[in-house]
């Protein structure tokens, strides 16, 4: 059985919206895009590349999928180390509005019962699955105890607005720190697993 792992960059106060580009995700009038760029050092870049290249596939919500599908198929040469696996590997999309066939290569629309669809994907053979961005989908999967690991790059910045990775759903979820690394820019790359009841 393969694991489902979360990979995200977030601010100290939990914002994950538009970390790398000004116009990456301006939803809700967000104007602080690119806030994570000052914290990208060699350690952070190696972390990103390693985790994308080792994925067995990616899970996306509709919004993150559309942002990525607009960027990665035509990414510039200096981003091909990430673009190649992003384009080649399977992508599974949770959406009630998109229809197949999806335009980005190797993309499949998940059935509407997302939790059961993800359970089936986890039972398949292969490398572990990654979920990037996709907070609404992520929080649904957390509620169904389907996330095995959280890999987070927590940047030393407080972003005054934007979408938060973890929603206020009234659920208490305890985590256990299993690994951490400090970057040269003051960001923390941390791995957590669910700690149980």
N, C-alpha and C. Protein backbone atom coordinates (compact mmCIF):
# COMPACT_ATOMS: atom_id res chain seq x y z
N UNK A 1 0.85 -1.20 0.00
CA UNK A 1 0.00 0.00 0.00
C UNK A 1 0.89 1.24 0.00
N UNK A 2 0.60 2.16 -0.89
CA UNK A 2 1.43 3.36 -0.94
C UNK A 2 0.86 4.47 -0.08
N UNK A 3 1.73 5.40 0.27
CA UNK A 3 1.35 6.50 1.15
C UNK A 3 0.84 7.69 0.34
N UNK A 4 0.07 8.53 1.03
CA UNK A 4 -0.32 9.83 0.50
C UNK A 4 0.40 10.89 1.32
N UNK A 5 1.20 11.69 0.63
CA UNK A 5 2.04 12.69 1.30
C UNK A 5 1.67 14.09 0.84
N UNK A 6 1.60 15.00 1.78
CA UNK A 6 1.35 16.41 1.49
C UNK A 6 2.70 17.10 1.29
N UNK A 7 2.83 17.88 0.23
CA UNK A 7 4.02 18.70 0.00
C UNK A 7 3.56 20.12 -0.27
N UNK A 8 3.89 21.03 0.65
CA UNK A 8 3.46 22.41 0.48
C UNK A 8 4.44 23.37 1.12
N UNK A 9 4.47 24.55 0.56
CA UNK A 9 5.15 25.69 1.15
C UNK A 9 4.08 26.56 1.79
N UNK A 10 4.34 27.00 3.02
CA UNK A 10 3.36 27.87 3.66
C UNK A 10 4.07 28.90 4.52
N UNK A 11 3.36 30.00 4.76
CA UNK A 11 3.87 31.04 5.64
C UNK A 11 3.73 30.58 7.09
N UNK A 12 4.33 31.34 7.98
CA UNK A 12 4.26 30.99 9.40
C UNK A 12 2.82 30.97 9.90
N UNK A 13 1.94 31.77 9.30
CA UNK A 13 0.54 31.79 9.71
C UNK A 13 -0.34 30.93 8.79
N UNK A 14 0.26 30.04 8.02
CA UNK A 14 -0.51 29.02 7.31
C UNK A 14 -0.98 29.37 5.91
N UNK A 15 -0.58 30.50 5.35
CA UNK A 15 -0.99 30.86 4.00
C UNK A 15 -0.16 30.07 2.99
N UNK A 16 -0.82 29.51 1.98
CA UNK A 16 -0.11 28.78 0.94
C UNK A 16 -0.37 29.36 -0.45
N UNK A 17 -1.20 30.38 -0.54
CA UNK A 17 -1.60 30.93 -1.83
C UNK A 17 -0.46 31.64 -2.54
N UNK A 18 -0.29 31.32 -3.82
CA UNK A 18 0.61 32.04 -4.72
C UNK A 18 2.00 32.27 -4.14
N UNK A 19 2.71 31.19 -3.73
CA UNK A 19 3.99 31.40 -3.06
C UNK A 19 5.11 31.90 -3.97
N UNK A 20 5.09 31.55 -5.27
CA UNK A 20 6.28 31.78 -6.09
C UNK A 20 6.14 32.83 -7.18
N UNK A 21 4.92 33.13 -7.59
CA UNK A 21 4.73 34.08 -8.68
C UNK A 21 3.66 35.10 -8.30
N UNK A 22 3.86 36.33 -8.71
CA UNK A 22 2.93 37.40 -8.38
C UNK A 22 1.53 37.07 -8.88
N UNK A 23 1.43 36.53 -10.10
CA UNK A 23 0.13 36.27 -10.70
C UNK A 23 -0.24 34.78 -10.68
N UNK A 24 0.41 34.01 -9.84
CA UNK A 24 0.16 32.56 -9.77
C UNK A 24 -1.29 32.26 -9.41
N UNK A 25 -1.80 32.93 -8.39
CA UNK A 25 -3.19 32.73 -7.96
C UNK A 25 -3.65 34.03 -7.29
N UNK A 26 -4.33 34.85 -8.07
CA UNK A 26 -4.82 36.14 -7.56
C UNK A 26 -6.25 36.03 -7.05
N UNK A 27 -6.73 34.82 -6.86
CA UNK A 27 -8.10 34.59 -6.39
C UNK A 27 -8.36 35.39 -5.11
N UNK A 28 -9.52 36.00 -5.04
CA UNK A 28 -9.88 36.80 -3.87
C UNK A 28 -9.15 38.13 -3.79
N UNK A 29 -8.53 38.55 -4.89
CA UNK A 29 -7.81 39.81 -4.89
C UNK A 29 -6.44 39.74 -4.22
N UNK A 30 -5.89 38.53 -4.09
CA UNK A 30 -4.60 38.35 -3.43
C UNK A 30 -3.49 39.04 -4.23
N UNK A 31 -2.71 39.91 -3.56
CA UNK A 31 -1.69 40.70 -4.25
C UNK A 31 -0.28 40.45 -3.75
N UNK A 32 -0.10 39.50 -2.84
CA UNK A 32 1.23 39.27 -2.25
C UNK A 32 1.93 38.05 -2.84
N UNK A 33 1.56 37.65 -4.07
CA UNK A 33 2.20 36.50 -4.69
C UNK A 33 3.70 36.65 -4.79
N UNK A 34 4.40 35.52 -4.65
CA UNK A 34 5.85 35.53 -4.68
C UNK A 34 6.50 35.66 -3.32
N UNK A 35 5.71 35.59 -2.26
CA UNK A 35 6.23 35.80 -0.90
C UNK A 35 7.26 34.74 -0.48
N UNK A 36 7.28 33.57 -1.11
CA UNK A 36 8.20 32.50 -0.69
C UNK A 36 9.57 32.58 -1.37
N UNK A 37 9.68 33.35 -2.42
CA UNK A 37 10.93 33.37 -3.19
C UNK A 37 12.18 33.71 -2.38
N UNK A 38 12.12 34.66 -1.43
CA UNK A 38 13.35 34.96 -0.68
C UNK A 38 13.87 33.80 0.15
N UNK A 39 13.08 32.75 0.31
CA UNK A 39 13.47 31.64 1.19
C UNK A 39 13.91 30.41 0.42
N UNK A 40 14.04 30.53 -0.90
CA UNK A 40 14.49 29.40 -1.71
C UNK A 40 16.01 29.37 -1.77
N UNK A 41 16.61 28.42 -1.09
CA UNK A 41 18.04 28.21 -1.19
C UNK A 41 18.28 26.83 -1.81
N UNK A 42 19.53 26.38 -1.85
CA UNK A 42 19.83 25.07 -2.45
C UNK A 42 19.12 23.93 -1.72
N UNK A 43 19.04 24.01 -0.41
CA UNK A 43 18.36 22.97 0.37
C UNK A 43 16.90 22.87 -0.01
N UNK A 44 16.24 24.02 -0.13
CA UNK A 44 14.82 24.04 -0.50
C UNK A 44 14.62 23.52 -1.91
N UNK A 45 15.46 23.94 -2.84
CA UNK A 45 15.31 23.49 -4.23
C UNK A 45 15.54 21.99 -4.35
N UNK A 46 16.53 21.46 -3.64
CA UNK A 46 16.76 20.02 -3.66
C UNK A 46 15.56 19.27 -3.10
N UNK A 47 14.94 19.83 -2.07
CA UNK A 47 13.75 19.23 -1.46
C UNK A 47 12.61 19.19 -2.47
N UNK A 48 12.37 20.29 -3.16
CA UNK A 48 11.31 20.33 -4.17
C UNK A 48 11.56 19.30 -5.27
N UNK A 49 12.74 19.33 -5.84
CA UNK A 49 13.05 18.47 -6.97
C UNK A 49 12.98 17.00 -6.57
N UNK A 50 13.56 16.66 -5.43
CA UNK A 50 13.57 15.28 -4.97
C UNK A 50 12.16 14.74 -4.80
N UNK A 51 11.30 15.54 -4.21
CA UNK A 51 9.95 15.05 -3.92
C UNK A 51 9.07 14.97 -5.16
N UNK A 52 9.26 15.85 -6.10
CA UNK A 52 8.52 15.76 -7.35
C UNK A 52 8.99 14.55 -8.16
N UNK A 53 10.29 14.36 -8.23
CA UNK A 53 10.84 13.27 -9.04
C UNK A 53 10.53 11.89 -8.46
N UNK A 54 10.36 11.79 -7.16
CA UNK A 54 10.10 10.49 -6.53
C UNK A 54 8.61 10.17 -6.41
N UNK A 55 7.76 11.03 -6.88
CA UNK A 55 6.31 10.82 -6.76
C UNK A 55 5.84 9.68 -7.67
N UNK A 56 4.81 8.98 -7.21
CA UNK A 56 4.15 8.00 -8.06
C UNK A 56 2.96 8.61 -8.78
N UNK A 57 2.63 9.84 -8.44
CA UNK A 57 1.51 10.56 -9.03
C UNK A 57 1.12 11.69 -8.11
N UNK A 58 0.26 12.57 -8.61
CA UNK A 58 -0.13 13.76 -7.87
C UNK A 58 -1.65 13.85 -7.75
N UNK A 59 -2.11 14.32 -6.61
CA UNK A 59 -3.52 14.62 -6.40
C UNK A 59 -3.69 16.13 -6.39
N UNK A 60 -4.70 16.61 -7.11
CA UNK A 60 -4.96 18.04 -7.17
C UNK A 60 -6.45 18.31 -7.02
N UNK A 61 -6.77 19.43 -6.38
CA UNK A 61 -8.10 19.99 -6.49
C UNK A 61 -8.18 20.76 -7.79
N UNK A 62 -9.38 21.18 -8.16
CA UNK A 62 -9.58 21.84 -9.45
C UNK A 62 -8.72 23.09 -9.61
N UNK A 63 -8.72 23.95 -8.62
CA UNK A 63 -8.03 25.24 -8.75
C UNK A 63 -6.53 25.04 -8.94
N UNK A 64 -5.91 24.22 -8.10
CA UNK A 64 -4.47 23.97 -8.23
C UNK A 64 -4.17 23.29 -9.56
N UNK A 65 -5.03 22.35 -9.95
CA UNK A 65 -4.83 21.67 -11.23
C UNK A 65 -4.82 22.67 -12.39
N UNK A 66 -5.77 23.58 -12.40
CA UNK A 66 -5.84 24.55 -13.50
C UNK A 66 -4.62 25.47 -13.52
N UNK A 67 -4.13 25.86 -12.35
CA UNK A 67 -2.94 26.71 -12.29
C UNK A 67 -1.73 25.95 -12.82
N UNK A 68 -1.56 24.71 -12.39
CA UNK A 68 -0.41 23.91 -12.81
C UNK A 68 -0.51 23.54 -14.29
N UNK A 69 -1.72 23.19 -14.74
CA UNK A 69 -1.90 22.79 -16.15
C UNK A 69 -1.64 23.95 -17.09
N UNK A 70 -1.78 25.18 -16.62
CA UNK A 70 -1.50 26.35 -17.44
C UNK A 70 -0.01 26.66 -17.48
N UNK A 71 0.75 26.13 -16.54
CA UNK A 71 2.16 26.48 -16.45
C UNK A 71 3.12 25.38 -16.92
N UNK A 72 2.99 24.17 -16.35
CA UNK A 72 4.03 23.16 -16.53
C UNK A 72 4.17 22.61 -17.95
N UNK A 73 3.13 22.45 -18.73
CA UNK A 73 3.35 21.94 -20.10
C UNK A 73 4.22 22.85 -20.97
N UNK A 74 4.26 24.13 -20.67
CA UNK A 74 5.08 25.05 -21.46
C UNK A 74 6.10 25.77 -20.58
N UNK A 75 6.55 25.10 -19.52
CA UNK A 75 7.53 25.71 -18.61
C UNK A 75 8.84 25.99 -19.32
N UNK A 76 9.55 27.04 -18.93
CA UNK A 76 10.83 27.38 -19.58
C UNK A 76 11.90 26.33 -19.30
N UNK A 77 12.98 26.39 -20.05
CA UNK A 77 14.05 25.40 -19.96
C UNK A 77 14.61 25.28 -18.55
N UNK A 78 14.75 26.40 -17.84
CA UNK A 78 15.36 26.34 -16.52
C UNK A 78 14.45 25.69 -15.47
N UNK A 79 13.20 25.36 -15.84
CA UNK A 79 12.29 24.68 -14.92
C UNK A 79 12.01 23.24 -15.34
N UNK A 80 12.73 22.73 -16.33
CA UNK A 80 12.44 21.40 -16.85
C UNK A 80 12.73 20.29 -15.85
N UNK A 81 13.62 20.52 -14.90
CA UNK A 81 13.89 19.50 -13.90
C UNK A 81 12.63 19.18 -13.09
N UNK A 82 11.74 20.14 -12.95
CA UNK A 82 10.44 19.92 -12.30
C UNK A 82 9.34 19.64 -13.32
N UNK A 83 9.40 20.32 -14.45
CA UNK A 83 8.35 20.18 -15.45
C UNK A 83 8.26 18.78 -16.02
N UNK A 84 9.41 18.15 -16.26
CA UNK A 84 9.40 16.83 -16.89
C UNK A 84 8.63 15.80 -16.06
N UNK A 85 8.93 15.63 -14.75
CA UNK A 85 8.12 14.69 -13.98
C UNK A 85 6.68 15.15 -13.77
N UNK A 86 6.47 16.46 -13.63
CA UNK A 86 5.10 16.95 -13.45
C UNK A 86 4.25 16.60 -14.67
N UNK A 87 4.82 16.72 -15.86
CA UNK A 87 4.07 16.43 -17.08
C UNK A 87 3.92 14.93 -17.32
N UNK A 88 4.95 14.15 -16.98
CA UNK A 88 4.97 12.72 -17.29
C UNK A 88 4.15 11.88 -16.32
N UNK A 89 4.18 12.21 -15.04
CA UNK A 89 3.55 11.35 -14.02
C UNK A 89 2.03 11.50 -14.00
N UNK A 90 1.33 10.48 -13.47
CA UNK A 90 -0.13 10.56 -13.40
C UNK A 90 -0.61 11.68 -12.47
N UNK A 91 -1.70 12.29 -12.89
CA UNK A 91 -2.32 13.35 -12.10
C UNK A 91 -3.79 13.00 -11.91
N UNK A 92 -4.25 13.05 -10.68
CA UNK A 92 -5.63 12.70 -10.33
C UNK A 92 -6.30 13.95 -9.79
N UNK A 93 -7.43 14.31 -10.36
CA UNK A 93 -8.04 15.62 -10.11
C UNK A 93 -9.43 15.45 -9.48
N UNK A 94 -9.63 16.11 -8.36
CA UNK A 94 -10.94 16.14 -7.71
C UNK A 94 -11.67 17.40 -8.14
N UNK A 95 -12.78 17.22 -8.83
CA UNK A 95 -13.55 18.37 -9.31
C UNK A 95 -14.98 17.94 -9.61
N UNK A 96 -15.90 18.83 -9.33
CA UNK A 96 -17.30 18.59 -9.70
C UNK A 96 -17.68 19.38 -10.94
N UNK A 97 -16.74 20.18 -11.47
CA UNK A 97 -17.06 21.02 -12.64
C UNK A 97 -16.27 20.65 -13.89
N UNK A 98 -15.06 20.10 -13.74
CA UNK A 98 -14.28 19.70 -14.90
C UNK A 98 -14.86 18.41 -15.50
N UNK A 99 -14.63 18.22 -16.80
CA UNK A 99 -15.06 17.00 -17.47
C UNK A 99 -13.89 16.42 -18.26
N UNK A 100 -13.93 15.12 -18.45
CA UNK A 100 -12.90 14.47 -19.25
C UNK A 100 -13.23 14.55 -20.73
N UNK A 101 -12.23 14.55 -21.60
CA UNK A 101 -10.82 14.38 -21.27
C UNK A 101 -10.19 15.68 -20.76
N UNK A 102 -9.34 15.55 -19.75
CA UNK A 102 -8.60 16.70 -19.24
C UNK A 102 -7.43 16.99 -20.17
N UNK A 103 -7.11 18.26 -20.34
CA UNK A 103 -6.13 18.67 -21.36
C UNK A 103 -4.69 18.35 -21.00
N UNK A 104 -4.33 18.44 -19.73
CA UNK A 104 -2.94 18.19 -19.34
C UNK A 104 -2.67 16.70 -19.42
N UNK A 105 -1.62 16.31 -20.09
CA UNK A 105 -1.32 14.90 -20.31
C UNK A 105 -1.29 14.11 -19.01
N UNK A 106 -1.74 12.85 -19.10
CA UNK A 106 -1.73 11.91 -17.97
C UNK A 106 -2.57 12.39 -16.79
N UNK A 107 -3.66 13.09 -17.09
CA UNK A 107 -4.57 13.58 -16.04
C UNK A 107 -5.88 12.82 -16.09
N UNK A 108 -6.38 12.45 -14.90
CA UNK A 108 -7.61 11.68 -14.77
C UNK A 108 -8.51 12.34 -13.75
N UNK A 109 -9.77 12.44 -14.07
CA UNK A 109 -10.75 12.99 -13.15
C UNK A 109 -11.16 11.91 -12.15
N UNK A 110 -11.10 12.23 -10.86
CA UNK A 110 -11.52 11.28 -9.83
C UNK A 110 -13.04 11.19 -9.77
N UNK A 111 -13.58 10.02 -9.38
CA UNK A 111 -15.03 9.92 -9.15
C UNK A 111 -15.46 10.90 -8.06
N UNK A 112 -16.75 11.19 -8.03
CA UNK A 112 -17.24 12.18 -7.05
C UNK A 112 -17.03 11.76 -5.60
N UNK A 113 -17.01 10.47 -5.33
CA UNK A 113 -16.69 9.99 -3.98
C UNK A 113 -15.17 9.98 -3.84
N UNK A 114 -14.64 11.17 -3.59
CA UNK A 114 -13.19 11.37 -3.62
C UNK A 114 -12.47 10.51 -2.59
N UNK A 115 -13.00 10.42 -1.39
CA UNK A 115 -12.32 9.67 -0.33
C UNK A 115 -12.14 8.21 -0.73
N UNK A 116 -13.18 7.59 -1.25
CA UNK A 116 -13.06 6.19 -1.66
C UNK A 116 -12.15 6.04 -2.87
N UNK A 117 -12.18 7.01 -3.77
CA UNK A 117 -11.28 6.96 -4.93
C UNK A 117 -9.83 7.02 -4.49
N UNK A 118 -9.53 7.85 -3.52
CA UNK A 118 -8.16 7.97 -3.02
C UNK A 118 -7.76 6.70 -2.27
N UNK A 119 -8.68 6.11 -1.52
CA UNK A 119 -8.39 4.84 -0.86
C UNK A 119 -7.97 3.78 -1.89
N UNK A 120 -8.67 3.74 -3.01
CA UNK A 120 -8.33 2.78 -4.06
C UNK A 120 -6.95 3.08 -4.65
N UNK A 121 -6.65 4.36 -4.88
CA UNK A 121 -5.34 4.73 -5.41
C UNK A 121 -4.22 4.32 -4.46
N UNK A 122 -4.46 4.46 -3.17
CA UNK A 122 -3.44 4.11 -2.18
C UNK A 122 -3.20 2.60 -2.15
N UNK A 123 -4.20 1.82 -2.52
CA UNK A 123 -4.03 0.36 -2.52
C UNK A 123 -3.25 -0.13 -3.74
N UNK A 124 -3.10 0.72 -4.75
CA UNK A 124 -2.34 0.33 -5.94
C UNK A 124 -0.86 0.19 -5.62
N UNK A 125 -0.16 -0.57 -6.45
CA UNK A 125 1.30 -0.66 -6.34
C UNK A 125 1.92 0.61 -6.90
N UNK A 126 3.15 0.85 -6.52
CA UNK A 126 3.87 1.98 -7.07
C UNK A 126 4.40 2.92 -6.00
N UNK A 127 5.00 4.01 -6.46
CA UNK A 127 5.57 5.00 -5.55
C UNK A 127 4.46 5.81 -4.89
N UNK A 128 4.82 6.47 -3.81
CA UNK A 128 3.85 7.21 -3.02
C UNK A 128 3.27 8.39 -3.79
N UNK A 129 2.04 8.74 -3.43
CA UNK A 129 1.32 9.85 -4.05
C UNK A 129 1.61 11.15 -3.31
N UNK A 130 1.59 12.25 -4.04
CA UNK A 130 1.79 13.58 -3.46
C UNK A 130 0.55 14.44 -3.72
N UNK A 131 0.23 15.27 -2.73
CA UNK A 131 -0.79 16.30 -2.93
C UNK A 131 -0.10 17.64 -2.71
N UNK A 132 -0.26 18.54 -3.68
CA UNK A 132 0.36 19.86 -3.64
C UNK A 132 -0.75 20.90 -3.71
N UNK A 133 -0.63 21.95 -2.88
CA UNK A 133 -1.69 22.96 -2.86
C UNK A 133 -3.00 22.32 -2.46
N UNK A 134 -4.07 22.65 -3.19
CA UNK A 134 -5.33 21.89 -3.10
C UNK A 134 -5.88 21.78 -1.69
N UNK A 135 -5.99 22.90 -0.99
CA UNK A 135 -6.38 22.88 0.42
C UNK A 135 -7.75 22.26 0.66
N UNK A 136 -8.72 22.54 -0.19
CA UNK A 136 -10.05 21.96 0.02
C UNK A 136 -10.00 20.44 -0.06
N UNK A 137 -9.33 19.93 -1.08
CA UNK A 137 -9.16 18.48 -1.20
C UNK A 137 -8.36 17.94 -0.02
N UNK A 138 -7.28 18.61 0.33
CA UNK A 138 -6.44 18.17 1.44
C UNK A 138 -7.25 18.03 2.72
N UNK A 139 -8.06 19.02 3.03
CA UNK A 139 -8.80 18.97 4.28
C UNK A 139 -9.88 17.89 4.26
N UNK A 140 -10.44 17.59 3.10
CA UNK A 140 -11.36 16.46 2.98
C UNK A 140 -10.63 15.16 3.29
N UNK A 141 -9.43 15.01 2.76
CA UNK A 141 -8.66 13.78 2.98
C UNK A 141 -8.19 13.66 4.42
N UNK A 142 -7.87 14.78 5.06
CA UNK A 142 -7.52 14.76 6.48
C UNK A 142 -8.70 14.24 7.30
N UNK A 143 -9.90 14.73 7.00
CA UNK A 143 -11.09 14.30 7.75
C UNK A 143 -11.35 12.81 7.60
N UNK A 144 -10.89 12.21 6.50
CA UNK A 144 -11.08 10.77 6.28
C UNK A 144 -9.82 9.97 6.63
N UNK A 145 -8.89 10.59 7.35
CA UNK A 145 -7.65 9.92 7.81
C UNK A 145 -6.88 9.27 6.67
N UNK A 146 -6.78 9.96 5.55
CA UNK A 146 -6.12 9.40 4.38
C UNK A 146 -4.71 9.97 4.15
N UNK A 147 -4.32 10.97 4.91
CA UNK A 147 -2.98 11.56 4.75
C UNK A 147 -2.01 10.85 5.68
N UNK A 148 -0.91 10.37 5.10
CA UNK A 148 0.08 9.62 5.88
C UNK A 148 1.23 10.50 6.37
N UNK A 149 1.61 11.49 5.58
CA UNK A 149 2.72 12.35 5.97
C UNK A 149 2.48 13.77 5.48
N UNK A 150 2.95 14.73 6.27
CA UNK A 150 2.91 16.14 5.90
C UNK A 150 4.36 16.62 5.76
N UNK A 151 4.74 17.03 4.56
CA UNK A 151 6.07 17.59 4.31
C UNK A 151 5.86 19.07 4.01
N UNK A 152 6.29 19.91 4.93
CA UNK A 152 5.98 21.33 4.84
C UNK A 152 7.25 22.17 4.90
N UNK A 153 7.35 23.13 4.00
CA UNK A 153 8.38 24.15 4.11
C UNK A 153 7.70 25.37 4.70
N UNK A 154 8.07 25.69 5.92
CA UNK A 154 7.42 26.78 6.67
C UNK A 154 8.36 27.98 6.63
N UNK A 155 7.93 29.02 5.91
CA UNK A 155 8.78 30.19 5.71
C UNK A 155 8.58 31.20 6.83
N UNK A 156 9.66 31.91 7.22
CA UNK A 156 9.55 32.88 8.30
C UNK A 156 8.96 34.21 7.83
N UNK A 157 7.69 34.14 7.44
CA UNK A 157 6.98 35.33 6.98
C UNK A 157 5.52 35.19 7.38
N UNK A 158 4.91 36.27 7.76
CA UNK A 158 3.48 36.31 8.04
C UNK A 158 2.82 37.04 6.89
N UNK A 159 1.96 36.32 6.18
CA UNK A 159 1.26 36.89 5.03
C UNK A 159 -0.11 37.35 5.49
N UNK A 160 -0.40 38.63 5.27
CA UNK A 160 -1.58 39.24 5.85
C UNK A 160 -2.92 38.84 5.27
N UNK A 161 -2.93 38.09 4.21
CA UNK A 161 -4.19 37.64 3.62
C UNK A 161 -3.92 36.39 2.82
N UNK A 162 -4.94 35.89 2.16
CA UNK A 162 -4.74 34.72 1.31
C UNK A 162 -5.35 33.46 1.88
N UNK A 163 -5.25 32.41 1.09
CA UNK A 163 -5.83 31.12 1.46
C UNK A 163 -4.93 30.39 2.44
N UNK A 164 -5.57 29.78 3.43
CA UNK A 164 -4.84 29.01 4.43
C UNK A 164 -4.89 27.53 4.10
N UNK A 165 -3.77 26.86 4.35
CA UNK A 165 -3.66 25.45 4.01
C UNK A 165 -4.63 24.60 4.82
N UNK A 166 -4.74 24.87 6.09
CA UNK A 166 -5.62 24.09 6.96
C UNK A 166 -6.84 24.91 7.32
N UNK A 167 -8.00 24.35 7.05
CA UNK A 167 -9.24 25.08 7.29
C UNK A 167 -9.74 24.85 8.71
N UNK A 168 -10.60 25.74 9.15
CA UNK A 168 -11.20 25.65 10.48
C UNK A 168 -12.40 24.73 10.39
N UNK A 169 -12.15 23.43 10.58
CA UNK A 169 -13.25 22.45 10.44
C UNK A 169 -13.72 21.89 11.78
N UNK A 170 -13.19 22.42 12.88
CA UNK A 170 -13.60 21.97 14.19
C UNK A 170 -13.00 20.64 14.61
N UNK A 171 -12.09 20.11 13.80
CA UNK A 171 -11.49 18.81 14.08
C UNK A 171 -10.10 18.99 14.68
N UNK A 172 -9.80 18.23 15.73
CA UNK A 172 -8.48 18.25 16.34
C UNK A 172 -7.64 17.15 15.70
N UNK A 173 -6.51 17.51 15.11
CA UNK A 173 -5.63 16.53 14.48
C UNK A 173 -4.22 16.72 15.03
N UNK A 174 -3.77 15.76 15.81
CA UNK A 174 -2.43 15.84 16.39
C UNK A 174 -1.41 15.21 15.44
N UNK A 175 -0.24 15.86 15.37
CA UNK A 175 0.81 15.39 14.50
C UNK A 175 2.08 15.13 15.31
N UNK A 176 2.95 14.30 14.74
CA UNK A 176 4.23 13.98 15.37
C UNK A 176 5.36 14.38 14.42
N UNK A 177 6.30 15.16 14.93
CA UNK A 177 7.44 15.58 14.13
C UNK A 177 8.41 14.41 13.98
N UNK A 178 8.74 14.06 12.72
CA UNK A 178 9.66 12.95 12.50
C UNK A 178 10.97 13.41 11.85
N UNK A 179 11.00 14.62 11.31
CA UNK A 179 12.23 15.12 10.71
C UNK A 179 12.11 16.63 10.53
N UNK A 180 13.25 17.32 10.62
CA UNK A 180 13.24 18.76 10.34
C UNK A 180 14.62 19.22 9.92
N UNK A 181 14.63 20.22 9.05
CA UNK A 181 15.87 20.81 8.56
C UNK A 181 15.68 22.31 8.47
N UNK A 182 16.65 23.07 8.96
CA UNK A 182 16.62 24.52 8.81
C UNK A 182 17.40 24.90 7.56
N UNK A 183 16.84 25.76 6.74
CA UNK A 183 17.54 26.23 5.55
C UNK A 183 18.40 27.44 5.91
N UNK A 184 19.23 27.85 4.96
CA UNK A 184 20.09 29.02 5.20
C UNK A 184 19.30 30.31 5.27
N UNK A 185 18.04 30.29 4.82
CA UNK A 185 17.22 31.50 4.80
C UNK A 185 16.28 31.59 6.00
N UNK A 186 16.35 30.61 6.89
CA UNK A 186 15.49 30.62 8.08
C UNK A 186 14.20 29.86 7.93
N UNK A 187 13.95 29.26 6.78
CA UNK A 187 12.77 28.40 6.61
C UNK A 187 13.03 27.07 7.29
N UNK A 188 11.97 26.41 7.68
CA UNK A 188 12.04 25.08 8.28
C UNK A 188 11.35 24.09 7.35
N UNK A 189 12.05 23.04 6.98
CA UNK A 189 11.44 21.94 6.22
C UNK A 189 11.16 20.83 7.22
N UNK A 190 9.89 20.56 7.45
CA UNK A 190 9.50 19.63 8.52
C UNK A 190 8.61 18.54 7.97
N UNK A 191 8.79 17.34 8.52
CA UNK A 191 7.94 16.19 8.18
C UNK A 191 7.19 15.76 9.42
N UNK A 192 5.87 15.65 9.27
CA UNK A 192 5.00 15.23 10.35
C UNK A 192 4.18 14.01 9.91
N UNK A 193 3.84 13.18 10.87
CA UNK A 193 2.90 12.11 10.62
C UNK A 193 1.75 12.24 11.62
N UNK A 194 0.57 11.73 11.27
CA UNK A 194 -0.53 11.76 12.24
C UNK A 194 -0.14 11.02 13.51
N UNK A 195 -0.48 11.62 14.65
CA UNK A 195 -0.09 11.05 15.94
C UNK A 195 -1.19 10.17 16.52
N UNK A 196 -2.32 10.10 15.88
CA UNK A 196 -3.42 9.30 16.41
C UNK A 196 -4.18 10.03 17.49
N UNK A 197 -5.04 9.30 18.19
CA UNK A 197 -5.91 9.92 19.20
C UNK A 197 -5.09 10.39 20.38
